Protein backbone atom coordinates (compact mmCIF):
# COMPACT_ATOMS: atom_id res chain seq x y z
CA MET A 1 44.22 -71.98 -181.20
CA THR A 2 47.11 -69.76 -182.38
CA ASP A 3 46.64 -67.99 -185.66
CA THR A 4 49.03 -68.85 -188.49
CA VAL A 5 50.38 -66.41 -191.00
CA ASP A 6 47.72 -67.53 -193.50
CA ASP A 7 44.93 -66.63 -191.06
CA VAL A 8 46.10 -63.02 -190.47
CA ASP A 9 44.50 -60.27 -192.59
CA MET A 10 47.19 -58.47 -194.53
CA PRO A 11 47.09 -54.66 -194.62
CA TYR A 12 47.42 -54.58 -198.43
CA GLU A 13 46.08 -56.16 -201.58
CA GLU A 14 48.07 -59.30 -202.25
CA ASP A 15 47.92 -59.04 -206.04
CA SER A 16 48.18 -55.30 -206.71
CA ALA A 17 50.63 -54.13 -204.01
CA SER A 18 54.27 -53.76 -204.79
CA GLN A 19 57.03 -55.15 -202.60
CA GLN A 20 57.77 -51.71 -201.12
CA GLU A 21 54.11 -51.07 -200.30
CA LYS A 22 53.90 -54.45 -198.57
CA ILE A 23 56.93 -53.62 -196.41
CA GLU A 24 55.57 -50.20 -195.47
CA ALA A 25 52.13 -51.60 -194.61
CA LEU A 26 53.64 -54.35 -192.49
CA GLN A 27 55.92 -51.84 -190.74
CA GLU A 28 52.91 -49.62 -189.97
CA ARG A 29 51.02 -52.61 -188.60
CA LEU A 30 54.05 -53.56 -186.45
CA ASP A 31 54.24 -50.03 -184.97
CA VAL A 32 50.55 -50.16 -184.05
CA LEU A 33 50.97 -53.57 -182.42
CA GLU A 34 54.01 -52.41 -180.44
CA SER A 35 52.09 -49.36 -179.23
CA GLN A 36 49.20 -51.55 -178.18
CA ASN A 37 51.60 -53.96 -176.48
CA GLU A 38 53.21 -51.10 -174.51
CA GLU A 39 49.79 -49.85 -173.47
CA MET A 40 48.78 -53.32 -172.30
CA ARG A 41 52.05 -53.66 -170.39
CA ASP A 42 51.35 -50.37 -168.54
CA LYS A 43 47.86 -51.56 -167.69
CA LEU A 44 49.33 -54.82 -166.39
CA LEU A 45 51.76 -52.95 -164.15
CA ASP A 46 48.95 -50.78 -162.79
CA ALA A 47 46.84 -53.87 -162.17
CA ASN A 48 49.73 -55.56 -160.34
CA ALA A 49 50.26 -52.46 -158.17
CA GLU A 50 46.55 -52.31 -157.38
CA ASN A 51 46.59 -56.01 -156.59
CA ASN A 52 49.57 -55.58 -154.21
CA LYS A 53 47.75 -52.76 -152.43
CA TYR A 54 44.64 -54.86 -151.89
CA GLN A 55 46.79 -57.82 -150.89
CA GLN A 56 48.47 -55.75 -148.15
CA LYS A 57 45.08 -54.49 -146.98
CA LEU A 58 43.81 -58.08 -146.88
CA GLU A 59 46.82 -59.19 -144.81
CA ARG A 60 46.32 -56.29 -142.37
CA LEU A 61 42.62 -57.03 -141.96
CA THR A 62 43.38 -60.73 -141.54
CA HIS A 63 45.94 -59.92 -138.84
CA GLU A 64 43.52 -57.58 -137.05
CA ASN A 65 40.76 -60.17 -137.27
CA LYS A 66 43.10 -62.76 -135.78
CA LYS A 67 44.00 -60.43 -132.92
CA LEU A 68 40.34 -59.69 -132.20
CA LYS A 69 39.58 -63.40 -132.01
CA GLN A 70 42.39 -63.99 -129.49
CA SER A 71 41.50 -64.36 -125.83
CA PRO A 72 42.12 -61.20 -123.77
CA LEU A 73 45.09 -60.94 -121.43
CA PHE A 74 44.65 -60.07 -117.76
CA VAL A 75 46.80 -57.68 -115.75
CA ALA A 76 48.49 -58.97 -112.61
CA THR A 77 51.27 -57.95 -110.23
CA VAL A 78 54.27 -60.09 -109.33
CA GLN A 79 54.20 -60.77 -105.58
CA GLU A 80 57.11 -63.17 -105.14
CA LEU A 81 59.67 -65.14 -107.14
CA THR A 82 60.06 -68.72 -105.83
CA ASP A 83 61.84 -71.87 -106.95
CA ASP A 84 58.49 -73.33 -108.01
CA GLY A 85 57.48 -70.36 -110.12
CA VAL A 86 56.08 -66.87 -109.74
CA VAL A 87 53.37 -65.78 -107.32
CA ILE A 88 51.06 -63.26 -108.98
CA LYS A 89 48.00 -61.31 -107.83
CA GLN A 90 45.32 -60.49 -110.36
CA HIS A 91 43.99 -56.95 -110.53
CA GLY A 92 40.31 -56.60 -109.77
CA ASN A 93 39.65 -59.78 -107.81
CA ASN A 94 42.95 -59.78 -105.83
CA GLN A 95 43.28 -63.55 -106.24
CA GLU A 96 46.79 -64.93 -105.89
CA ALA A 97 48.15 -67.76 -108.00
CA LEU A 98 51.41 -69.64 -108.50
CA THR A 99 52.32 -69.85 -112.17
CA GLU A 100 55.21 -70.85 -114.38
CA VAL A 101 57.40 -68.48 -116.35
CA THR A 102 60.21 -68.95 -118.86
CA ASP A 103 63.78 -68.64 -117.64
CA GLY A 104 64.45 -65.68 -119.92
CA MET A 105 61.47 -63.73 -118.63
CA ARG A 106 62.13 -64.73 -115.02
CA ASP A 107 65.46 -62.86 -115.07
CA ASP A 108 63.65 -59.64 -116.00
CA LEU A 109 60.94 -59.89 -113.35
CA GLU A 110 61.00 -58.35 -109.90
CA PRO A 111 58.38 -58.08 -107.15
CA ASP A 112 55.74 -55.37 -107.86
CA ASP A 113 56.26 -55.64 -111.64
CA ARG A 114 53.07 -55.54 -113.74
CA VAL A 115 52.62 -58.50 -116.11
CA ALA A 116 50.03 -59.73 -118.60
CA VAL A 117 48.68 -63.28 -118.07
CA ASN A 118 46.41 -65.44 -120.24
CA ASN A 119 43.42 -67.57 -119.29
CA SER A 120 45.68 -70.26 -117.83
CA LEU A 121 47.45 -67.54 -115.75
CA SER A 122 50.74 -68.05 -117.59
CA VAL A 123 52.86 -64.90 -117.77
CA VAL A 124 52.87 -63.70 -121.37
CA LYS A 125 54.85 -60.46 -121.10
CA LYS A 126 56.07 -57.78 -118.72
CA LEU A 127 54.22 -54.45 -118.76
CA GLU A 128 55.62 -50.98 -118.25
CA LYS A 129 55.27 -49.24 -114.92
CA GLU A 130 51.81 -47.92 -114.22
CA THR A 131 51.64 -44.14 -114.14
CA ASP A 132 48.48 -42.14 -114.50
CA VAL A 133 48.23 -40.50 -117.92
CA ARG A 134 46.99 -37.36 -116.15
CA ALA A 135 50.39 -37.11 -114.45
CA ARG A 136 52.25 -37.36 -117.74
CA VAL A 137 50.21 -34.70 -119.52
CA MET A 138 51.14 -32.22 -116.77
CA GLN A 139 54.72 -32.22 -118.03
CA VAL A 140 55.47 -28.94 -119.80
CA ASP A 141 56.94 -29.62 -123.26
CA HIS A 142 57.14 -26.01 -124.42
CA SER A 143 58.60 -23.40 -122.10
CA PRO A 144 56.42 -20.38 -121.27
CA ASP A 145 57.46 -17.09 -122.86
CA VAL A 146 58.05 -15.47 -119.45
CA THR A 147 61.60 -14.57 -118.37
CA TYR A 148 63.03 -12.94 -115.26
CA GLU A 149 63.17 -9.66 -117.18
CA ASP A 150 59.36 -9.73 -117.39
CA ILE A 151 59.02 -9.61 -113.59
CA GLY A 152 59.39 -6.30 -111.79
CA GLY A 153 59.70 -5.35 -108.16
CA LEU A 154 60.53 -8.87 -106.93
CA ASP A 155 64.32 -8.95 -107.08
CA GLU A 156 64.76 -10.37 -103.58
CA GLN A 157 62.12 -13.05 -104.06
CA MET A 158 63.52 -13.89 -107.49
CA ASN A 159 67.01 -14.41 -106.08
CA GLU A 160 65.69 -16.72 -103.33
CA VAL A 161 63.80 -18.83 -105.87
CA ARG A 162 66.86 -19.10 -108.09
CA GLU A 163 69.03 -20.10 -105.11
CA THR A 164 66.55 -22.81 -104.22
CA VAL A 165 65.81 -24.21 -107.67
CA GLU A 166 68.48 -23.30 -110.21
CA LEU A 167 71.67 -23.13 -108.13
CA PRO A 168 71.55 -26.76 -106.83
CA MET A 169 71.05 -27.99 -110.41
CA GLU A 170 73.74 -25.87 -112.02
CA ASN A 171 76.37 -25.91 -109.24
CA PRO A 172 75.72 -28.84 -106.86
CA GLU A 173 79.39 -28.89 -105.85
CA MET A 174 78.94 -25.59 -104.03
CA PHE A 175 76.62 -27.26 -101.53
CA SER A 176 78.77 -30.38 -101.15
CA ASP A 177 81.86 -28.23 -100.51
CA VAL A 178 80.05 -26.40 -97.71
CA GLY A 179 78.59 -29.66 -96.42
CA ILE A 180 74.86 -28.85 -96.56
CA GLN A 181 71.86 -30.19 -98.40
CA PRO A 182 70.33 -27.75 -100.89
CA PRO A 183 66.85 -26.41 -100.08
CA SER A 184 64.29 -28.89 -101.33
CA GLY A 185 61.25 -26.71 -101.80
CA VAL A 186 59.97 -23.15 -101.90
CA LEU A 187 56.50 -21.87 -101.03
CA LEU A 188 55.40 -18.58 -102.54
CA HIS A 189 52.59 -16.86 -100.64
CA GLY A 190 50.97 -13.46 -100.88
CA PRO A 191 47.94 -11.58 -102.22
CA PRO A 192 46.47 -12.46 -105.64
CA GLY A 193 48.13 -10.97 -108.69
CA THR A 194 51.56 -10.31 -107.18
CA GLY A 195 53.52 -12.53 -109.58
CA LYS A 196 53.78 -15.92 -107.85
CA THR A 197 52.78 -17.93 -110.92
CA MET A 198 54.92 -15.70 -113.15
CA LEU A 199 57.97 -16.58 -111.04
CA ALA A 200 57.26 -20.28 -111.63
CA LYS A 201 56.84 -19.66 -115.37
CA ALA A 202 60.17 -17.84 -115.47
CA VAL A 203 61.84 -20.79 -113.74
CA ALA A 204 60.30 -23.14 -116.32
CA ASN A 205 61.70 -20.97 -119.10
CA GLU A 206 65.17 -20.42 -117.68
CA THR A 207 66.01 -23.88 -116.34
CA ASP A 208 66.88 -26.96 -118.40
CA ALA A 209 65.12 -29.25 -115.92
CA THR A 210 61.85 -31.03 -116.66
CA PHE A 211 58.99 -28.78 -115.54
CA ILE A 212 55.73 -30.33 -114.31
CA LYS A 213 52.81 -28.06 -113.46
CA MET A 214 49.56 -28.77 -111.70
CA ALA A 215 46.85 -27.09 -109.66
CA GLY A 216 45.94 -28.27 -106.19
CA SER A 217 42.32 -28.71 -107.23
CA GLU A 218 43.39 -31.32 -109.80
CA LEU A 219 44.37 -33.62 -106.93
CA VAL A 220 40.90 -33.53 -105.37
CA HIS A 221 38.90 -36.51 -106.63
CA LYS A 222 35.66 -38.24 -105.82
CA PHE A 223 36.84 -41.80 -105.34
CA ILE A 224 38.92 -43.00 -102.40
CA GLY A 225 42.64 -43.22 -103.09
CA GLU A 226 42.52 -41.64 -106.54
CA GLY A 227 44.06 -38.33 -105.43
CA ALA A 228 46.82 -40.08 -103.48
CA LYS A 229 47.60 -42.27 -106.49
CA LEU A 230 47.88 -39.22 -108.74
CA VAL A 231 50.34 -37.65 -106.25
CA ARG A 232 52.47 -40.80 -106.32
CA ASP A 233 52.44 -40.87 -110.10
CA LEU A 234 53.37 -37.18 -110.31
CA PHE A 235 56.48 -37.70 -108.22
CA GLU A 236 57.27 -40.90 -110.13
CA VAL A 237 57.18 -38.99 -113.43
CA ALA A 238 59.38 -36.29 -111.86
CA ARG A 239 61.93 -38.87 -110.65
CA GLU A 240 62.00 -40.55 -114.06
CA ASN A 241 62.83 -37.20 -115.70
CA GLU A 242 65.10 -35.67 -113.05
CA PRO A 243 66.37 -33.07 -112.63
CA ALA A 244 62.79 -31.86 -112.43
CA VAL A 245 60.80 -28.95 -111.04
CA LEU A 246 57.28 -29.67 -109.76
CA PHE A 247 55.03 -26.59 -109.51
CA ILE A 248 51.84 -26.88 -107.42
CA ASP A 249 49.58 -23.85 -107.81
CA GLU A 250 46.85 -23.11 -105.22
CA ILE A 251 48.27 -25.75 -102.87
CA ASP A 252 45.78 -24.73 -100.17
CA ALA A 253 43.19 -26.85 -102.04
CA ILE A 254 44.79 -30.03 -100.66
CA ALA A 255 47.01 -28.79 -97.83
CA SER A 256 44.60 -26.92 -95.58
CA LYS A 257 44.64 -27.46 -91.82
CA ARG A 258 43.30 -30.81 -90.68
CA THR A 259 40.00 -30.82 -88.86
CA ASP A 260 37.82 -33.35 -87.06
CA SER A 261 35.37 -33.43 -89.97
CA LYS A 262 34.13 -36.95 -90.70
CA THR A 263 32.74 -36.30 -94.17
CA SER A 264 34.10 -38.51 -96.92
CA GLY A 265 35.16 -35.50 -99.00
CA ASP A 266 37.31 -33.97 -96.26
CA ALA A 267 38.77 -37.38 -95.43
CA GLU A 268 39.80 -37.94 -99.05
CA VAL A 269 41.44 -34.50 -99.23
CA GLN A 270 43.38 -35.31 -96.06
CA ARG A 271 44.48 -38.68 -97.46
CA THR A 272 45.77 -36.87 -100.54
CA MET A 273 47.67 -34.42 -98.34
CA MET A 274 49.20 -37.31 -96.34
CA GLN A 275 50.54 -38.78 -99.56
CA LEU A 276 51.94 -35.39 -100.56
CA LEU A 277 53.67 -35.05 -97.17
CA SER A 278 55.15 -38.53 -97.55
CA GLU A 279 56.44 -37.86 -101.07
CA MET A 280 57.97 -34.53 -100.07
CA ASP A 281 59.84 -35.87 -97.04
CA GLY A 282 59.33 -39.57 -96.43
CA PHE A 283 61.47 -42.70 -96.38
CA ASP A 284 61.95 -42.72 -100.15
CA GLU A 285 64.53 -40.37 -101.58
CA ARG A 286 63.01 -37.58 -103.61
CA GLY A 287 66.06 -37.28 -105.85
CA GLU A 288 66.78 -34.21 -107.96
CA VAL A 289 63.20 -32.97 -107.72
CA ARG A 290 62.59 -29.38 -106.60
CA ILE A 291 59.14 -28.22 -105.55
CA ILE A 292 57.62 -24.78 -106.00
CA ALA A 293 54.18 -24.13 -104.54
CA ALA A 294 52.00 -21.03 -104.52
CA THR A 295 49.03 -19.97 -102.43
CA ASN A 296 46.94 -16.90 -101.62
CA ARG A 297 45.81 -18.37 -98.29
CA PHE A 298 48.94 -18.97 -96.27
CA ASP A 299 46.89 -18.88 -93.06
CA MET A 300 44.93 -21.99 -94.17
CA LEU A 301 47.93 -24.30 -94.65
CA ASP A 302 48.59 -27.22 -92.33
CA PRO A 303 51.70 -26.78 -90.12
CA ALA A 304 53.04 -30.18 -91.22
CA ILE A 305 53.58 -29.00 -94.78
CA LEU A 306 55.30 -25.79 -93.69
CA ARG A 307 58.06 -27.37 -91.66
CA PRO A 308 61.67 -27.43 -92.93
CA GLY A 309 62.42 -30.49 -95.01
CA ARG A 310 59.28 -30.04 -97.03
CA PHE A 311 59.37 -26.32 -97.74
CA ASP A 312 62.74 -24.93 -96.67
CA ARG A 313 61.95 -21.49 -98.07
CA LEU A 314 58.72 -19.65 -97.27
CA ILE A 315 58.84 -16.57 -99.50
CA GLU A 316 56.29 -13.82 -99.17
CA VAL A 317 55.43 -12.10 -102.46
CA PRO A 318 53.86 -8.77 -101.45
CA LYS A 319 52.31 -6.08 -103.55
CA PRO A 320 55.02 -3.95 -105.20
CA ASP A 321 56.14 -0.63 -103.81
CA ALA A 322 56.21 2.58 -105.89
CA ALA A 323 59.55 1.71 -107.52
CA GLY A 324 58.29 -1.79 -108.31
CA ARG A 325 55.05 -0.47 -109.82
CA GLU A 326 57.04 1.94 -112.00
CA LEU A 327 59.17 -0.93 -113.30
CA ILE A 328 56.07 -3.08 -113.93
CA PHE A 329 54.48 -0.22 -115.91
CA GLN A 330 57.63 -0.04 -118.04
CA ILE A 331 57.60 -3.80 -118.59
CA HIS A 332 53.96 -3.94 -119.71
CA THR A 333 54.30 -0.91 -122.01
CA ARG A 334 57.45 -2.10 -123.81
CA ASP A 335 55.50 -3.09 -126.92
CA MET A 336 52.88 -0.31 -126.64
CA ASN A 337 52.88 2.95 -128.60
CA VAL A 338 53.10 5.31 -125.64
CA ALA A 339 53.03 9.12 -125.97
CA ASP A 340 55.89 11.30 -124.71
CA ASP A 341 53.73 12.79 -121.95
CA VAL A 342 53.41 9.47 -120.11
CA ASP A 343 55.22 9.66 -116.75
CA PHE A 344 55.75 6.19 -115.26
CA ALA A 345 56.72 7.57 -111.85
CA GLU A 346 53.44 9.48 -111.70
CA LEU A 347 51.53 6.38 -112.82
CA ALA A 348 53.19 4.34 -110.05
CA ALA A 349 52.24 6.97 -107.45
CA MET A 350 48.70 7.13 -108.85
CA ALA A 351 48.13 3.36 -108.75
CA ASP A 352 48.74 3.12 -105.02
CA ASP A 353 48.29 -0.39 -103.54
CA ALA A 354 47.97 -1.92 -107.03
CA SER A 355 49.31 -5.41 -107.68
CA GLY A 356 51.25 -6.48 -110.73
CA ALA A 357 48.07 -7.90 -112.25
CA ASP A 358 46.31 -4.58 -111.61
CA VAL A 359 49.08 -2.70 -113.43
CA LYS A 360 48.75 -5.02 -116.42
CA ALA A 361 44.98 -4.43 -116.44
CA ILE A 362 45.53 -0.64 -116.37
CA CYS A 363 47.84 -0.85 -119.40
CA THR A 364 45.37 -3.00 -121.32
CA GLU A 365 42.44 -0.71 -120.47
CA ALA A 366 44.45 2.39 -121.47
CA GLY A 367 45.04 0.80 -124.85
CA MET A 368 41.30 0.17 -125.18
CA PHE A 369 40.65 3.89 -124.56
CA ALA A 370 42.92 4.74 -127.50
CA ILE A 371 41.25 2.15 -129.74
CA ARG A 372 37.79 3.50 -128.98
CA GLU A 373 38.92 6.96 -130.15
CA ASP A 374 40.62 5.52 -133.23
CA ARG A 375 44.12 6.49 -132.06
CA THR A 376 47.36 4.53 -132.26
CA GLU A 377 49.11 6.42 -129.45
CA ILE A 378 48.31 5.98 -125.76
CA THR A 379 48.40 9.15 -123.66
CA MET A 380 48.67 9.92 -119.97
CA ALA A 381 44.95 10.71 -119.91
CA ASP A 382 44.22 7.17 -121.11
CA PHE A 383 46.13 5.70 -118.17
CA ARG A 384 44.32 7.98 -115.71
CA GLY A 385 40.96 7.00 -117.17
CA ALA A 386 41.90 3.32 -117.03
CA TRP A 387 42.91 3.55 -113.36
CA GLN A 388 39.67 5.36 -112.51
CA LYS A 389 37.60 2.74 -114.32
CA ILE A 390 39.35 -0.19 -112.63
CA THR A 391 39.07 1.48 -109.20
CA GLU A 392 35.36 2.11 -109.64
CA SER A 393 34.83 -1.46 -110.79
CA SER A 394 36.66 -2.81 -107.72
CA GLU A 395 34.62 -0.60 -105.37
CA THR A 396 31.38 -1.76 -107.00
CA ASP A 397 32.36 -5.41 -106.61
CA ALA A 398 33.29 -4.83 -102.97
CA GLY A 399 29.92 -3.15 -102.35
CA ASP A 400 28.06 -6.07 -103.92
CA ASP A 401 29.96 -8.52 -101.73
CA SER A 402 29.16 -6.56 -98.56
CA LEU A 403 25.46 -6.57 -99.50
CA ALA A 404 25.57 -10.30 -100.11
CA PHE A 405 26.94 -10.98 -96.64
CA ALA A 406 24.81 -8.34 -94.85
């Protein structure tokens, strides 16, 4: 029941208060009530906001609960489009079925498309093309910080790689004017540490094409057909993002010479290589996909992968000569605090038969000599000591290997 004016306690004495005191008391009471009303209004707004938040959470949970209660969809492949419907083959049991499909969806379907079907085998939706996630993660999103200026002593090899990979992408009209097809692939071979992988990194940095990297060992799998499927998916990802450069490091892991071995492991590796051969030069067009491969064991490769059409350029990457070693020393010491007595020509002559990786190791070890002696400047003596230490370490390792095989 609503209170009347007579039921409300007045904030003054009815008999003794003057008219002005009554007005002031009532005004004070009104201010208090308005303040309380504003406070209650704020609380109501907060409560409404909290209620909306929980209402949205309830709707989301209800939707998720509804989805979890739905029957699962099965994956199938479209085999044929007929007047009576669509012939599909379910994955897993390979059972074929003739099912109906809406006219709108039928226009979007083609043979070999992946679709989702329900319990009654009705086509619910079309799925994206199946590509192995392992193939997609091999795509390089961020370019390596290696440029052609970071590579020394390989000018001839660098030019051949650029002619094979970059030139057809940047100036394709040059090849069409001459009337030839650009080289489709380049194989880099040579001793370890000579800069084969660095050349590929420089290409990834300098070109605007999609760069996909992988190691040959990543294609070797336990189960039958898995390696071949990954090869197909790799080339599919490359074609979807062409122009693309596909770099296969240590290709000898899957492209070694075929033997009469009957073991399941060797047979699976050979099946993977067959798929690689087919993708490189088969019936299907490769498109604007260039291949760079690297190996330390050129003598182990199968002749089929070395023929023109698959690898048109076989580039040997040898150990650098004295001039190359001098340039590599200069490259690796650009950011180092080197003393004035350091003679790069003498260092190059000293490190005879050293590879580019060896030179980098010498520079790093020379810096460690300076750090041990609490110096910030690297001297010629540090480089000599580093070379001696690395040489002794290599001789010790070689001696251990000879004892192991004795």
